[in-house]
Protein backbone atom coordinates (compact mmCIF):
# COMPACT_ATOMS: atom_id res chain seq x y z
CA LEU A 1 94.47 51.73 39.88
CA PRO A 2 91.79 49.66 41.64
CA ALA A 3 91.63 46.05 40.53
CA VAL A 4 89.29 43.21 41.32
CA ARG A 5 90.26 39.72 40.29
CA ARG A 6 88.33 36.56 41.04
CA VAL A 7 90.46 33.49 41.73
CA ASP A 8 89.10 29.96 41.88
CA GLY A 9 91.47 27.36 43.25
CA SER A 10 93.71 26.78 46.23
CA LEU A 11 95.15 29.24 48.73
CA ALA A 12 98.42 28.93 46.83
CA ASP A 13 96.61 30.03 43.64
CA LEU A 14 95.14 32.98 45.50
CA GLY A 15 98.55 33.92 46.90
CA VAL A 16 100.11 33.81 43.43
CA ALA A 17 97.31 35.96 42.00
CA ILE A 18 97.72 38.55 44.75
CA THR A 19 101.50 38.62 44.28
CA GLU A 20 101.08 39.09 40.52
CA SER A 21 98.57 41.90 41.08
CA ILE A 22 100.86 43.66 43.57
CA ASP A 23 103.83 43.34 41.19
CA ARG A 24 101.75 44.73 38.32
CA PHE A 25 100.48 47.62 40.43
CA GLU A 26 104.01 48.45 41.61
CA ALA A 27 105.32 48.38 38.01
CA VAL A 28 102.52 50.61 36.71
CA ALA A 29 102.98 53.04 39.62
CA GLY A 30 106.75 53.17 39.12
CA GLY A 31 107.32 52.17 42.74
CA LEU A 32 105.16 52.55 45.81
CA ASP A 33 105.04 55.20 48.49
CA PRO A 34 104.21 54.08 52.07
CA ALA A 35 100.51 53.13 52.40
CA GLU A 36 99.95 53.53 48.65
CA LEU A 37 99.38 49.78 48.35
CA ARG A 38 96.14 48.70 50.02
CA VAL A 39 94.89 45.16 49.74
CA GLY A 40 91.39 44.15 50.81
CA VAL A 41 90.60 40.55 51.67
CA ASP A 42 87.25 39.03 52.59
CA PRO A 43 88.34 35.78 54.23
CA LEU A 44 84.81 34.43 54.47
CA SER A 45 84.68 34.13 50.69
CA ALA A 46 88.39 33.87 49.88
CA LEU A 47 89.06 31.22 52.52
CA ASN A 48 85.80 29.33 52.21
CA GLY A 49 86.38 25.67 52.96
CA TYR A 50 89.67 26.25 54.81
CA ASP A 51 90.11 25.97 58.55
CA THR A 52 91.20 28.87 60.75
CA ARG A 53 94.76 27.50 60.92
CA SER A 54 95.07 27.60 57.11
CA ALA A 55 93.58 31.10 57.08
CA PHE A 56 96.13 32.17 59.72
CA GLY A 57 99.03 30.85 57.65
CA PHE A 58 97.77 32.48 54.46
CA LEU A 59 97.12 35.86 56.10
CA HIS A 60 100.48 35.73 57.89
CA VAL A 61 102.36 35.29 54.60
CA LEU A 62 100.18 37.89 52.86
CA GLY A 63 100.76 40.37 55.69
CA ARG A 64 104.54 39.94 55.50
CA GLN A 65 104.46 40.50 51.75
CA ILE A 66 102.34 43.65 52.05
CA ARG A 67 104.42 45.04 54.94
CA SER A 68 107.61 44.49 52.91
CA ARG A 69 106.20 47.01 50.43
CA LYS A 70 105.04 49.38 53.18
CA GLY A 71 101.44 48.66 52.23
CA MET A 72 98.26 48.12 54.20
CA ALA A 73 95.89 45.17 54.33
CA HIS A 74 92.25 45.47 55.27
CA VAL A 75 90.71 42.12 56.19
CA ARG A 76 86.97 41.81 56.68
CA LEU A 77 85.83 39.11 59.07
CA ALA A 78 82.12 39.27 59.83
CA ARG A 79 82.30 37.56 63.20
CA GLU A 80 81.78 38.61 66.80
CA PHE A 81 84.95 40.03 68.36
CA ASP A 82 85.09 37.23 70.93
CA SER A 83 84.67 34.48 68.31
CA PRO A 84 87.43 31.85 67.99
CA GLU A 85 88.20 33.01 64.43
CA VAL A 86 88.78 36.63 65.46
CA ARG A 87 90.79 35.64 68.53
CA THR A 88 93.01 33.43 66.35
CA LEU A 89 93.54 35.93 63.53
CA ALA A 90 93.71 39.20 65.53
CA PRO A 91 97.42 38.86 66.49
CA LEU A 92 98.31 39.14 62.79
CA PHE A 93 97.09 42.74 62.64
CA ASP A 94 98.02 46.08 64.16
CA ALA A 95 94.39 46.81 64.98
CA VAL A 96 90.94 45.25 64.95
CA LEU A 97 87.95 47.46 64.30
CA GLU A 98 84.78 46.22 65.98
CA LEU A 99 81.41 47.50 64.76
CA ARG A 100 77.98 47.47 66.38
CA LEU A 101 74.59 48.95 65.74
CA ASP A 102 73.30 50.92 68.74
CA GLY A 103 69.70 51.55 67.84
CA TYR A 104 70.05 53.24 64.46
CA ARG A 105 73.60 54.46 64.98
CA LEU A 106 76.63 52.55 63.72
CA GLU A 107 79.46 52.63 66.26
CA GLN A 108 83.06 51.50 66.26
CA ARG A 109 85.59 50.43 68.83
CA TRP A 110 89.29 49.93 68.09
CA HIS A 111 91.48 47.20 69.60
CA LEU A 112 95.16 48.08 69.13
CA SER A 113 97.58 45.16 69.34
CA ASP A 114 100.48 47.26 70.57
CA GLY A 115 99.86 47.69 74.29
CA GLY A 116 96.43 46.08 74.29
CA ILE A 117 94.67 49.46 74.02
CA VAL A 118 90.90 49.46 73.47
CA SER A 119 88.98 52.62 72.61
CA ASP A 120 85.52 53.55 73.83
CA TRP A 121 82.59 53.08 71.47
CA PHE A 122 82.07 56.10 69.19
CA PRO A 123 80.02 56.84 66.05
CA VAL A 124 81.43 55.73 62.72
CA ASP A 125 80.38 59.02 61.12
CA GLU A 126 80.78 62.05 63.36
CA ARG A 127 79.57 64.56 60.78
CA SER A 128 76.83 66.86 61.95
CA ASP A 129 73.29 66.37 60.67
CA GLY A 130 73.86 69.45 58.52
CA GLY A 131 76.14 67.49 56.16
């Protein structure tokens, strides 16, 4: 049951809208299995005009709410990994996925919060050229 809802207003308004959407999804689904709830947030547009501290607080509360329902949040932050915004927000998440373009090949590297583990760079799509 994918849903997209545009919210204009404060972070509190956005939080209320997300909570209402999660409640509605849970009611329609008759309860949620682990990882069935997935919430995507684009903080560059959703948090436009707010400082990193406000974004941290909002994402912290949102993360707690989603974890309480055994869900997953995917947050897109189009910034360099070593940017102040990423360094501030990264502790809120289990992992940070870093992307780069190596020539014509898109590659990924994972930064896992638990234990400070960092993967090597590897292709995003490892399918063979044959499809």
